[in-house]
C-alpha atoms as a PDB file:
ATOM      1  CA  UNK A   1      17.413  11.889  -0.803  1.00  0.00           C
ATOM      2  CA  UNK A   2      17.959   8.870  -3.042  1.00  0.00           C
ATOM      3  CA  UNK A   3      17.654   6.429  -0.135  1.00  0.00           C
ATOM      4  CA  UNK A   4      13.871   6.050  -0.435  1.00  0.00           C
ATOM      5  CA  UNK A   5      14.032   5.243  -4.129  1.00  0.00           C
ATOM      6  CA  UNK A   6      16.899   2.819  -3.593  1.00  0.00           C
ATOM      7  CA  UNK A   7      14.733   1.011  -1.050  1.00  0.00           C
ATOM      8  CA  UNK A   8      11.811   1.070  -3.467  1.00  0.00           C
ATOM      9  CA  UNK A   9      13.938  -0.317  -6.282  1.00  0.00           C
ATOM     10  CA  UNK A  10      15.093  -3.157  -4.028  1.00  0.00           C
ATOM     11  CA  UNK A  11      11.474  -3.937  -3.139  1.00  0.00           C
ATOM     12  CA  UNK A  12      10.495  -4.019  -6.807  1.00  0.00           C
ATOM     13  CA  UNK A  13      13.408  -6.352  -7.523  1.00  0.00           C
ATOM     14  CA  UNK A  14      12.283  -8.674  -4.728  1.00  0.00           C
ATOM     15  CA  UNK A  15       8.780  -8.811  -6.205  1.00  0.00           C
ATOM     16  CA  UNK A  16      10.267  -9.495  -9.653  1.00  0.00           C
ATOM     17  CA  UNK A  17      12.098 -12.474  -8.151  1.00  0.00           C
ATOM     18  CA  UNK A  18       8.771 -13.820  -6.885  1.00  0.00           C
ATOM     19  CA  UNK A  19       9.417 -13.011  -3.242  1.00  0.00           C
ATOM     20  CA  UNK A  20       6.687 -11.975  -0.803  1.00  0.00           C
ATOM     21  CA  UNK A  21       6.842  -8.477   0.706  1.00  0.00           C
ATOM     22  CA  UNK A  22       5.175  -7.657   3.994  1.00  0.00           C
ATOM     23  CA  UNK A  23       3.559  -4.290   4.581  1.00  0.00           C
ATOM     24  CA  UNK A  24       1.197  -2.551   6.950  1.00  0.00           C
ATOM     25  CA  UNK A  25      -0.675   0.751   7.114  1.00  0.00           C
ATOM     26  CA  UNK A  26      -0.031   3.874   9.173  1.00  0.00           C
ATOM     27  CA  UNK A  27      -3.051   5.985  10.045  1.00  0.00           C
ATOM     28  CA  UNK A  28      -1.815   7.703  13.201  1.00  0.00           C
ATOM     29  CA  UNK A  29      -0.200  11.044  12.410  1.00  0.00           C
ATOM     30  CA  UNK A  30       2.960  10.663  14.482  1.00  0.00           C
ATOM     31  CA  UNK A  31       6.339  10.126  12.777  1.00  0.00           C
ATOM     32  CA  UNK A  32       7.341   7.808  15.622  1.00  0.00           C
ATOM     33  CA  UNK A  33       4.912   5.279  14.173  1.00  0.00           C
ATOM     34  CA  UNK A  34       7.086   5.006  11.065  1.00  0.00           C
ATOM     35  CA  UNK A  35      10.177   4.420  13.174  1.00  0.00           C
ATOM     36  CA  UNK A  36       8.394   1.696  15.145  1.00  0.00           C
ATOM     37  CA  UNK A  37       6.990  -0.091  12.086  1.00  0.00           C
ATOM     38  CA  UNK A  38      10.276   0.177  10.235  1.00  0.00           C
ATOM     39  CA  UNK A  39      12.195  -1.175  13.226  1.00  0.00           C
ATOM     40  CA  UNK A  40       9.698  -4.037  13.497  1.00  0.00           C
ATOM     41  CA  UNK A  41      10.858  -5.274  10.101  1.00  0.00           C
ATOM     42  CA  UNK A  42       8.060  -4.458   7.659  1.00  0.00           C
ATOM     43  CA  UNK A  43       9.192  -4.241   4.045  1.00  0.00           C
ATOM     44  CA  UNK A  44       6.882  -1.328   3.343  1.00  0.00           C
ATOM     45  CA  UNK A  45       4.482   0.953   5.171  1.00  0.00           C
ATOM     46  CA  UNK A  46       1.473   2.486   3.428  1.00  0.00           C
ATOM     47  CA  UNK A  47       0.699   5.852   4.999  1.00  0.00           C
ATOM     48  CA  UNK A  48      -3.081   6.185   4.828  1.00  0.00           C
ATOM     49  CA  UNK A  49      -3.885   9.599   3.387  1.00  0.00           C
ATOM     50  CA  UNK A  50      -7.244   8.323   2.121  1.00  0.00           C
ATOM     51  CA  UNK A  51      -9.050   7.649   5.396  1.00  0.00           C
ATOM     52  CA  UNK A  52      -6.832   9.166   8.123  1.00  0.00           C
ATOM     53  CA  UNK A  53      -6.267  12.781   9.223  1.00  0.00           C
ATOM     54  CA  UNK A  54      -2.933  13.362   7.478  1.00  0.00           C
ATOM     55  CA  UNK A  55      -1.938  16.718   6.069  1.00  0.00           C
ATOM     56  CA  UNK A  56       0.931  17.319   3.651  1.00  0.00           C
ATOM     57  CA  UNK A  57       3.063  18.404   6.606  1.00  0.00           C
ATOM     58  CA  UNK A  58       2.366  15.264   8.656  1.00  0.00           C
ATOM     59  CA  UNK A  59       2.995  13.131   5.570  1.00  0.00           C
ATOM     60  CA  UNK A  60       6.368  14.797   5.046  1.00  0.00           C
ATOM     61  CA  UNK A  61       7.292  14.190   8.687  1.00  0.00           C
ATOM     62  CA  UNK A  62       6.285  10.515   8.354  1.00  0.00           C
ATOM     63  CA  UNK A  63       8.460  10.175   5.254  1.00  0.00           C
ATOM     64  CA  UNK A  64      11.387  11.827   7.021  1.00  0.00           C
ATOM     65  CA  UNK A  65      11.103   9.417   9.936  1.00  0.00           C
ATOM     66  CA  UNK A  66      10.885   6.386   7.640  1.00  0.00           C
ATOM     67  CA  UNK A  67      14.048   7.384   5.801  1.00  0.00           C
ATOM     68  CA  UNK A  68      16.030   6.088   8.786  1.00  0.00           C
ATOM     69  CA  UNK A  69      14.496   2.605   8.530  1.00  0.00           C
ATOM     70  CA  UNK A  70      14.644  -0.163   5.929  1.00  0.00           C
ATOM     71  CA  UNK A  71      10.891   0.036   5.205  1.00  0.00           C
ATOM     72  CA  UNK A  72       9.736   1.641   1.957  1.00  0.00           C
ATOM     73  CA  UNK A  73       7.305   4.527   2.445  1.00  0.00           C
ATOM     74  CA  UNK A  74       4.243   4.319   0.211  1.00  0.00           C
ATOM     75  CA  UNK A  75       1.371   6.807   0.411  1.00  0.00           C
ATOM     76  CA  UNK A  76      -2.219   5.637   0.028  1.00  0.00           C
ATOM     77  CA  UNK A  77      -3.752   8.607  -1.743  1.00  0.00           C
ATOM     78  CA  UNK A  78      -7.251  10.019  -1.455  1.00  0.00           C
ATOM     79  CA  UNK A  79      -8.152   9.337  -5.085  1.00  0.00           C
ATOM     80  CA  UNK A  80      -6.714   9.018  -8.576  1.00  0.00           C
ATOM     81  CA  UNK A  81      -5.468  12.601  -8.850  1.00  0.00           C
ATOM     82  CA  UNK A  82      -2.259  12.867 -10.863  1.00  0.00           C
ATOM     83  CA  UNK A  83      -1.424  16.335  -9.518  1.00  0.00           C
ATOM     84  CA  UNK A  84      -1.676  15.115  -5.917  1.00  0.00           C
ATOM     85  CA  UNK A  85       0.248  11.943  -6.742  1.00  0.00           C
ATOM     86  CA  UNK A  86       3.084  14.037  -8.162  1.00  0.00           C
ATOM     87  CA  UNK A  87       3.076  16.273  -5.111  1.00  0.00           C
ATOM     88  CA  UNK A  88       3.441  13.294  -2.764  1.00  0.00           C
ATOM     89  CA  UNK A  89       6.277  11.857  -4.813  1.00  0.00           C
ATOM     90  CA  UNK A  90       7.900  15.313  -4.747  1.00  0.00           C
ATOM     91  CA  UNK A  91       8.059  15.257  -0.940  1.00  0.00           C
ATOM     92  CA  UNK A  92       9.750  11.858  -0.995  1.00  0.00           C
ATOM     93  CA  UNK A  93       7.261   8.993  -1.173  1.00  0.00           C
ATOM     94  CA  UNK A  94       8.806   5.819  -2.543  1.00  0.00           C
ATOM     95  CA  UNK A  95       5.540   4.814  -4.146  1.00  0.00           C
ATOM     96  CA  UNK A  96       1.804   5.280  -4.320  1.00  0.00           C
ATOM     97  CA  UNK A  97      -1.098   3.014  -3.341  1.00  0.00           C
ATOM     98  CA  UNK A  98      -4.059   4.262  -5.371  1.00  0.00           C
ATOM     99  CA  UNK A  99      -7.667   3.353  -4.502  1.00  0.00           C
ATOM    100  CA  UNK A 100     -10.416   2.415  -6.946  1.00  0.00           C
ATOM    101  CA  UNK A 101      -8.428   1.644 -10.062  1.00  0.00           C
ATOM    102  CA  UNK A 102     -11.420   0.368 -12.021  1.00  0.00           C
ATOM    103  CA  UNK A 103     -10.321   0.366 -15.656  1.00  0.00           C
ATOM    104  CA  UNK A 104      -7.294   0.086 -17.887  1.00  0.00           C
ATOM    105  CA  UNK A 105      -7.584   3.844 -18.482  1.00  0.00           C
ATOM    106  CA  UNK A 106      -7.409   4.445 -14.712  1.00  0.00           C
ATOM    107  CA  UNK A 107      -4.304   2.269 -14.465  1.00  0.00           C
ATOM    108  CA  UNK A 108      -2.621   4.074 -17.358  1.00  0.00           C
ATOM    109  CA  UNK A 109      -3.421   7.488 -15.869  1.00  0.00           C
ATOM    110  CA  UNK A 110      -2.067   6.335 -12.499  1.00  0.00           C
ATOM    111  CA  UNK A 111       1.243   5.148 -13.933  1.00  0.00           C
ATOM    112  CA  UNK A 112       1.538   8.212 -16.152  1.00  0.00           C
ATOM    113  CA  UNK A 113       1.134  10.473 -13.125  1.00  0.00           C
ATOM    114  CA  UNK A 114       4.122   8.755 -11.504  1.00  0.00           C
ATOM    115  CA  UNK A 115       6.442   9.179 -14.501  1.00  0.00           C
ATOM    116  CA  UNK A 116       8.075  12.158 -16.151  1.00  0.00           C
ATOM    117  CA  UNK A 117       7.752  12.859 -19.889  1.00  0.00           C
ATOM    118  CA  UNK A 118       8.223  11.219 -22.315  1.00  0.00           C
ATOM    119  CA  UNK A 119       7.116   8.229 -20.241  1.00  0.00           C
ATOM    120  CA  UNK A 120       4.297  10.022 -18.420  1.00  0.00           C
ATOM    121  CA  UNK A 121       2.765  13.316 -17.402  1.00  0.00           C
ATOM    122  CA  UNK A 122       4.292  14.043 -13.992  1.00  0.00           C
ATOM    123  CA  UNK A 123       5.106  17.711 -13.526  1.00  0.00           C
ATOM    124  CA  UNK A 124       8.718  18.588 -12.747  1.00  0.00           C
ATOM    125  CA  UNK A 125       9.493  19.706  -9.191  1.00  0.00           C
ATOM    126  CA  UNK A 126      10.867  16.940  -6.950  1.00  0.00           C
ATOM    127  CA  UNK A 127      11.700  19.163  -3.969  1.00  0.00           C
ATOM    128  CA  UNK A 128      12.595  16.986  -1.000  1.00  0.00           C
ATOM    129  CA  UNK A 129      12.669  13.839  -3.147  1.00  0.00           C
ATOM    130  CA  UNK A 130      15.625  15.166  -5.145  1.00  0.00           C
ATOM    131  CA  UNK A 131      17.631  16.615  -2.264  1.00  0.00           C
ATOM    132  CA  UNK A 132      16.097  20.067  -2.693  1.00  0.00           C
ATOM    133  CA  UNK A 133      17.682  20.408  -6.122  1.00  0.00           C
ATOM    134  CA  UNK A 134      21.068  18.852  -5.349  1.00  0.00           C
ATOM    135  CA  UNK A 135      20.211  15.463  -6.858  1.00  0.00           C
ATOM    136  CA  UNK A 136      17.562  16.462  -9.383  1.00  0.00           C
ATOM    137  CA  UNK A 137      18.634  14.702 -12.547  1.00  0.00           C
ATOM    138  CA  UNK A 138      19.883  11.571 -10.799  1.00  0.00           C
ATOM    139  CA  UNK A 139      16.457  11.441  -9.192  1.00  0.00           C
ATOM    140  CA  UNK A 140      14.648  11.575 -12.538  1.00  0.00           C
ATOM    141  CA  UNK A 141      16.342   8.488 -13.965  1.00  0.00           C
ATOM    142  CA  UNK A 142      16.093   6.545 -10.712  1.00  0.00           C
ATOM    143  CA  UNK A 143      12.405   7.393 -10.263  1.00  0.00           C
ATOM    144  CA  UNK A 144      11.518   5.710 -13.545  1.00  0.00           C
ATOM    145  CA  UNK A 145      13.099   2.467 -12.328  1.00  0.00           C
ATOM    146  CA  UNK A 146      12.054   2.633  -8.709  1.00  0.00           C
ATOM    147  CA  UNK A 147       8.732   4.360  -7.938  1.00  0.00           C
ATOM    148  CA  UNK A 148       6.185   1.754  -6.832  1.00  0.00           C
ATOM    149  CA  UNK A 149       2.659   1.884  -8.289  1.00  0.00           C
ATOM    150  CA  UNK A 150       0.187  -0.310  -6.415  1.00  0.00           C
ATOM    151  CA  UNK A 151      -3.379  -0.351  -7.744  1.00  0.00           C
ATOM    152  CA  UNK A 152      -6.251  -1.118  -5.397  1.00  0.00           C
ATOM    153  CA  UNK A 153      -8.985  -3.399  -6.754  1.00  0.00           C
ATOM    154  CA  UNK A 154     -12.135  -2.416  -4.867  1.00  0.00           C
ATOM    155  CA  UNK A 155     -15.128  -2.841  -7.178  1.00  0.00           C
ATOM    156  CA  UNK A 156     -16.899  -5.343  -9.365  1.00  0.00           C
ATOM    157  CA  UNK A 157     -15.942  -3.181 -12.346  1.00  0.00           C
ATOM    158  CA  UNK A 158     -12.263  -3.493 -11.436  1.00  0.00           C
ATOM    159  CA  UNK A 159     -12.538  -7.288 -11.208  1.00  0.00           C
ATOM    160  CA  UNK A 160     -14.205  -7.357 -14.632  1.00  0.00           C
ATOM    161  CA  UNK A 161     -11.261  -5.362 -16.017  1.00  0.00           C
ATOM    162  CA  UNK A 162      -8.493  -7.008 -14.003  1.00  0.00           C
ATOM    163  CA  UNK A 163      -6.722  -8.635 -16.939  1.00  0.00           C
ATOM    164  CA  UNK A 164      -6.266  -5.252 -18.627  1.00  0.00           C
ATOM    165  CA  UNK A 165      -5.434  -3.408 -15.398  1.00  0.00           C
ATOM    166  CA  UNK A 166      -2.762  -5.873 -14.310  1.00  0.00           C
ATOM    167  CA  UNK A 167      -1.173  -5.851 -17.774  1.00  0.00           C
ATOM    168  CA  UNK A 168      -0.539  -2.081 -17.833  1.00  0.00           C
ATOM    169  CA  UNK A 169       3.194  -1.395 -18.024  1.00  0.00           C
ATOM    170  CA  UNK A 170       4.332   0.272 -14.807  1.00  0.00           C
ATOM    171  CA  UNK A 171       1.809  -1.295 -12.438  1.00  0.00           C
ATOM    172  CA  UNK A 172       4.036  -2.803  -9.766  1.00  0.00           C
ATOM    173  CA  UNK A 173       1.232  -4.845  -8.244  1.00  0.00           C
ATOM    174  CA  UNK A 174      -2.418  -4.889  -7.269  1.00  0.00           C
ATOM    175  CA  UNK A 175      -4.029  -5.139  -3.843  1.00  0.00           C
ATOM    176  CA  UNK A 176      -7.635  -6.170  -3.287  1.00  0.00           C
ATOM    177  CA  UNK A 177      -9.445  -3.836  -0.884  1.00  0.00           C
ATOM    178  CA  UNK A 178     -11.687  -6.420   0.807  1.00  0.00           C
ATOM    179  CA  UNK A 179     -14.347  -4.251   2.424  1.00  0.00           C
ATOM    180  CA  UNK A 180     -15.104  -2.034  -0.570  1.00  0.00           C
ATOM    181  CA  UNK A 181     -14.978  -4.997  -2.941  1.00  0.00           C
ATOM    182  CA  UNK A 182     -17.373  -7.010  -0.781  1.00  0.00           C
ATOM    183  CA  UNK A 183     -19.747  -4.015  -0.658  1.00  0.00           C
ATOM    184  CA  UNK A 184     -19.592  -3.639  -4.428  1.00  0.00           C
ATOM    185  CA  UNK A 185     -20.469  -7.322  -4.788  1.00  0.00           C
ATOM    186  CA  UNK A 186     -23.445  -7.056  -2.429  1.00  0.00           C
ATOM    187  CA  UNK A 187     -21.730  -9.097   0.285  1.00  0.00           C
ATOM    188  CA  UNK A 188     -20.638  -6.481   2.826  1.00  0.00           C
ATOM    189  CA  UNK A 189     -17.905  -7.940   5.043  1.00  0.00           C
ATOM    190  CA  UNK A 190     -18.722 -11.539   4.037  1.00  0.00           C
ATOM    191  CA  UNK A 191     -15.325 -12.826   2.985  1.00  0.00           C
ATOM    192  CA  UNK A 192     -16.673 -16.362   2.654  1.00  0.00           C
ATOM    193  CA  UNK A 193     -19.313 -15.303   0.128  1.00  0.00           C
ATOM    194  CA  UNK A 194     -19.082 -17.185  -3.140  1.00  0.00           C
ATOM    195  CA  UNK A 195     -19.189 -13.944  -5.139  1.00  0.00           C
ATOM    196  CA  UNK A 196     -16.361 -12.458  -3.100  1.00  0.00           C
ATOM    197  CA  UNK A 197     -14.181 -15.576  -3.232  1.00  0.00           C
ATOM    198  CA  UNK A 198     -14.748 -15.915  -6.968  1.00  0.00           C
ATOM    199  CA  UNK A 199     -13.753 -12.292  -7.487  1.00  0.00           C
ATOM    200  CA  UNK A 200     -10.523 -12.668  -5.495  1.00  0.00           C
ATOM    201  CA  UNK A 201      -9.743 -15.887  -7.371  1.00  0.00           C
ATOM    202  CA  UNK A 202     -10.209 -14.111 -10.693  1.00  0.00           C
ATOM    203  CA  UNK A 203      -7.823 -11.350  -9.623  1.00  0.00           C
ATOM    204  CA  UNK A 204      -5.265 -13.923  -8.470  1.00  0.00           C
ATOM    205  CA  UNK A 205      -5.494 -16.003 -11.646  1.00  0.00           C
ATOM    206  CA  UNK A 206      -5.243 -12.955 -13.901  1.00  0.00           C
ATOM    207  CA  UNK A 207      -2.212 -11.620 -12.047  1.00  0.00           C
ATOM    208  CA  UNK A 208      -0.451 -14.963 -12.142  1.00  0.00           C
ATOM    209  CA  UNK A 209      -1.079 -15.344 -15.859  1.00  0.00           C
ATOM    210  CA  UNK A 210       0.350 -11.872 -16.515  1.00  0.00           C
ATOM    211  CA  UNK A 211       3.100 -12.028 -13.896  1.00  0.00           C
ATOM    212  CA  UNK A 212       1.861  -9.086 -11.834  1.00  0.00           C
ATOM    213  CA  UNK A 213       2.297  -9.400  -8.043  1.00  0.00           C
ATOM    214  CA  UNK A 214      -0.944  -9.246  -6.064  1.00  0.00           C
ATOM    215  CA  UNK A 215      -2.255  -9.315  -2.549  1.00  0.00           C
ATOM    216  CA  UNK A 216      -5.366  -8.839  -0.441  1.00  0.00           C
ATOM    217  CA  UNK A 217      -5.627  -6.421   2.474  1.00  0.00           C
ATOM    218  CA  UNK A 218      -6.011  -8.443   5.663  1.00  0.00           C
ATOM    219  CA  UNK A 219      -6.796  -7.659   9.268  1.00  0.00           C
ATOM    220  CA  UNK A 220      -5.065 -10.415  11.191  1.00  0.00           C
ATOM    221  CA  UNK A 221      -2.516 -13.211  11.190  1.00  0.00           C
ATOM    222  CA  UNK A 222      -4.952 -15.931  10.122  1.00  0.00           C
ATOM    223  CA  UNK A 223      -5.865 -14.062   6.967  1.00  0.00           C
ATOM    224  CA  UNK A 224      -2.217 -13.260   6.276  1.00  0.00           C
ATOM    225  CA  UNK A 225      -1.213 -16.912   6.657  1.00  0.00           C
ATOM    226  CA  UNK A 226      -3.996 -17.917   4.266  1.00  0.00           C
ATOM    227  CA  UNK A 227      -2.782 -15.501   1.597  1.00  0.00           C
ATOM    228  CA  UNK A 228       0.805 -16.692   2.039  1.00  0.00           C
ATOM    229  CA  UNK A 229      -0.445 -20.226   1.383  1.00  0.00           C
ATOM    230  CA  UNK A 230      -2.169 -18.938  -1.760  1.00  0.00           C
ATOM    231  CA  UNK A 231       1.164 -17.609  -2.979  1.00  0.00           C
ATOM    232  CA  UNK A 232       0.243 -13.922  -2.796  1.00  0.00           C
ATOM    233  CA  UNK A 233       3.260 -11.643  -2.881  1.00  0.00           C
ATOM    234  CA  UNK A 234       2.032  -8.247  -1.675  1.00  0.00           C
ATOM    235  CA  UNK A 235       0.955  -8.746   1.924  1.00  0.00           C
ATOM    236  CA  UNK A 236      -0.758  -5.726   3.494  1.00  0.00           C
ATOM    237  CA  UNK A 237      -1.519  -6.677   7.088  1.00  0.00           C
ATOM    238  CA  UNK A 238      -3.293  -4.611   9.745  1.00  0.00           C
ATOM    239  CA  UNK A 239      -2.215  -1.142  10.763  1.00  0.00           C
ATOM    240  CA  UNK A 240      -1.011   0.988  13.627  1.00  0.00           C
ATOM    241  CA  UNK A 241      -4.412   2.086  14.938  1.00  0.00           C
ATOM    242  CA  UNK A 242      -5.834  -1.447  14.689  1.00  0.00           C
ATOM    243  CA  UNK A 243      -2.815  -2.853  16.537  1.00  0.00           C
ATOM    244  CA  UNK A 244      -3.107  -0.302  19.348  1.00  0.00           C
ATOM    245  CA  UNK A 245      -6.881  -0.716  19.643  1.00  0.00           C
ATOM    246  CA  UNK A 246      -6.853  -4.516  19.655  1.00  0.00           C
ATOM    247  CA  UNK A 247      -3.948  -4.732  22.120  1.00  0.00           C
ATOM    248  CA  UNK A 248      -5.637  -2.196  24.420  1.00  0.00           C
ATOM    249  CA  UNK A 249      -8.900  -4.150  24.301  1.00  0.00           C
ATOM    250  CA  UNK A 250      -7.017  -7.379  25.027  1.00  0.00           C
ATOM    251  CA  UNK A 251      -5.356  -5.856  28.102  1.00  0.00           C
ATOM    252  CA  UNK A 252      -8.606  -4.406  29.437  1.00  0.00           C
ATOM    253  CA  UNK A 253     -10.534  -7.628  28.857  1.00  0.00           C
ATOM    254  CA  UNK A 254      -7.850  -9.817  30.429  1.00  0.00           C
ATOM    255  CA  UNK A 255      -7.304  -7.655  33.493  1.00  0.00           C
ATOM    256  CA  UNK A 256     -11.016  -7.151  34.153  1.00  0.00           C
ATOM    257  CA  UNK A 257     -11.661 -10.868  33.725  1.00  0.00           C
ATOM    258  CA  UNK A 258      -8.977 -11.488  36.323  1.00  0.00           C
ATOM    259  CA  UNK A 259     -10.488  -8.927  38.694  1.00  0.00           C
ATOM    260  CA  UNK A 260     -13.911 -10.498  38.376  1.00  0.00           C
ATOM    261  CA  UNK A 261     -12.502 -13.958  38.931  1.00  0.00           C
ATOM    262  CA  UNK A 262     -10.614 -12.754  42.030  1.00  0.00           C
ATOM    263  CA  UNK A 263     -13.712 -10.991  43.325  1.00  0.00           C
ATOM    264  CA  UNK A 264     -15.813 -14.125  43.029  1.00  0.00           C
ATOM    265  CA  UNK A 265     -13.516 -16.179  45.255  1.00  0.00           C
END
């Protein structure tokens, strides 16, 4: 089962070279989604176990489906819970996207939960991840090099601490969660607010100074293009449910507009 970690290691190497990596989120609990997104060419897919209806069984099925694609499977966890993080890595996740990393201590606990002693506190038991015991010790050494740790910056406190968070050894990159950050700053959904823009700029400047890849979650192509222009490396764009919903709305709106136009002639 080393394929997922090999993909993750390649993604980390690309980020180290300064390349941009394109990802999206999967909220729908069907493994076919992972095959579709992987075939579409995304570099990574973050399976949303924070806000969607995933169980451990559906997550495992999603990871199994993604193994046949070139996309790295990353799980967005419910919270900073090192036991749960270890469990998700044990079933084969190539990395973890952790919400609300607010302090240096949070970042250190996050990384520690992804690493085995003496480098961290992860409990031993990589079932599926290590080929059900057939690749156990090869897995341990590869995991240290390969597992991706992406910290979400979603609060004013996190922005205040960004220099220390981004400098923690083992943090692969940081991603700004725009909605929660804007709420924390008292500017719900206002991505043109001075407070919000200043906060994102501070995150970007801190990450560049330290050399930590960063990105901002975005909901459409315009936002993604803007962040590419800013030189952001970790691009997290849209998601499966958003894509289905917006395309369905577009079809309904277009067809009904055509029907109304035809009916008025």
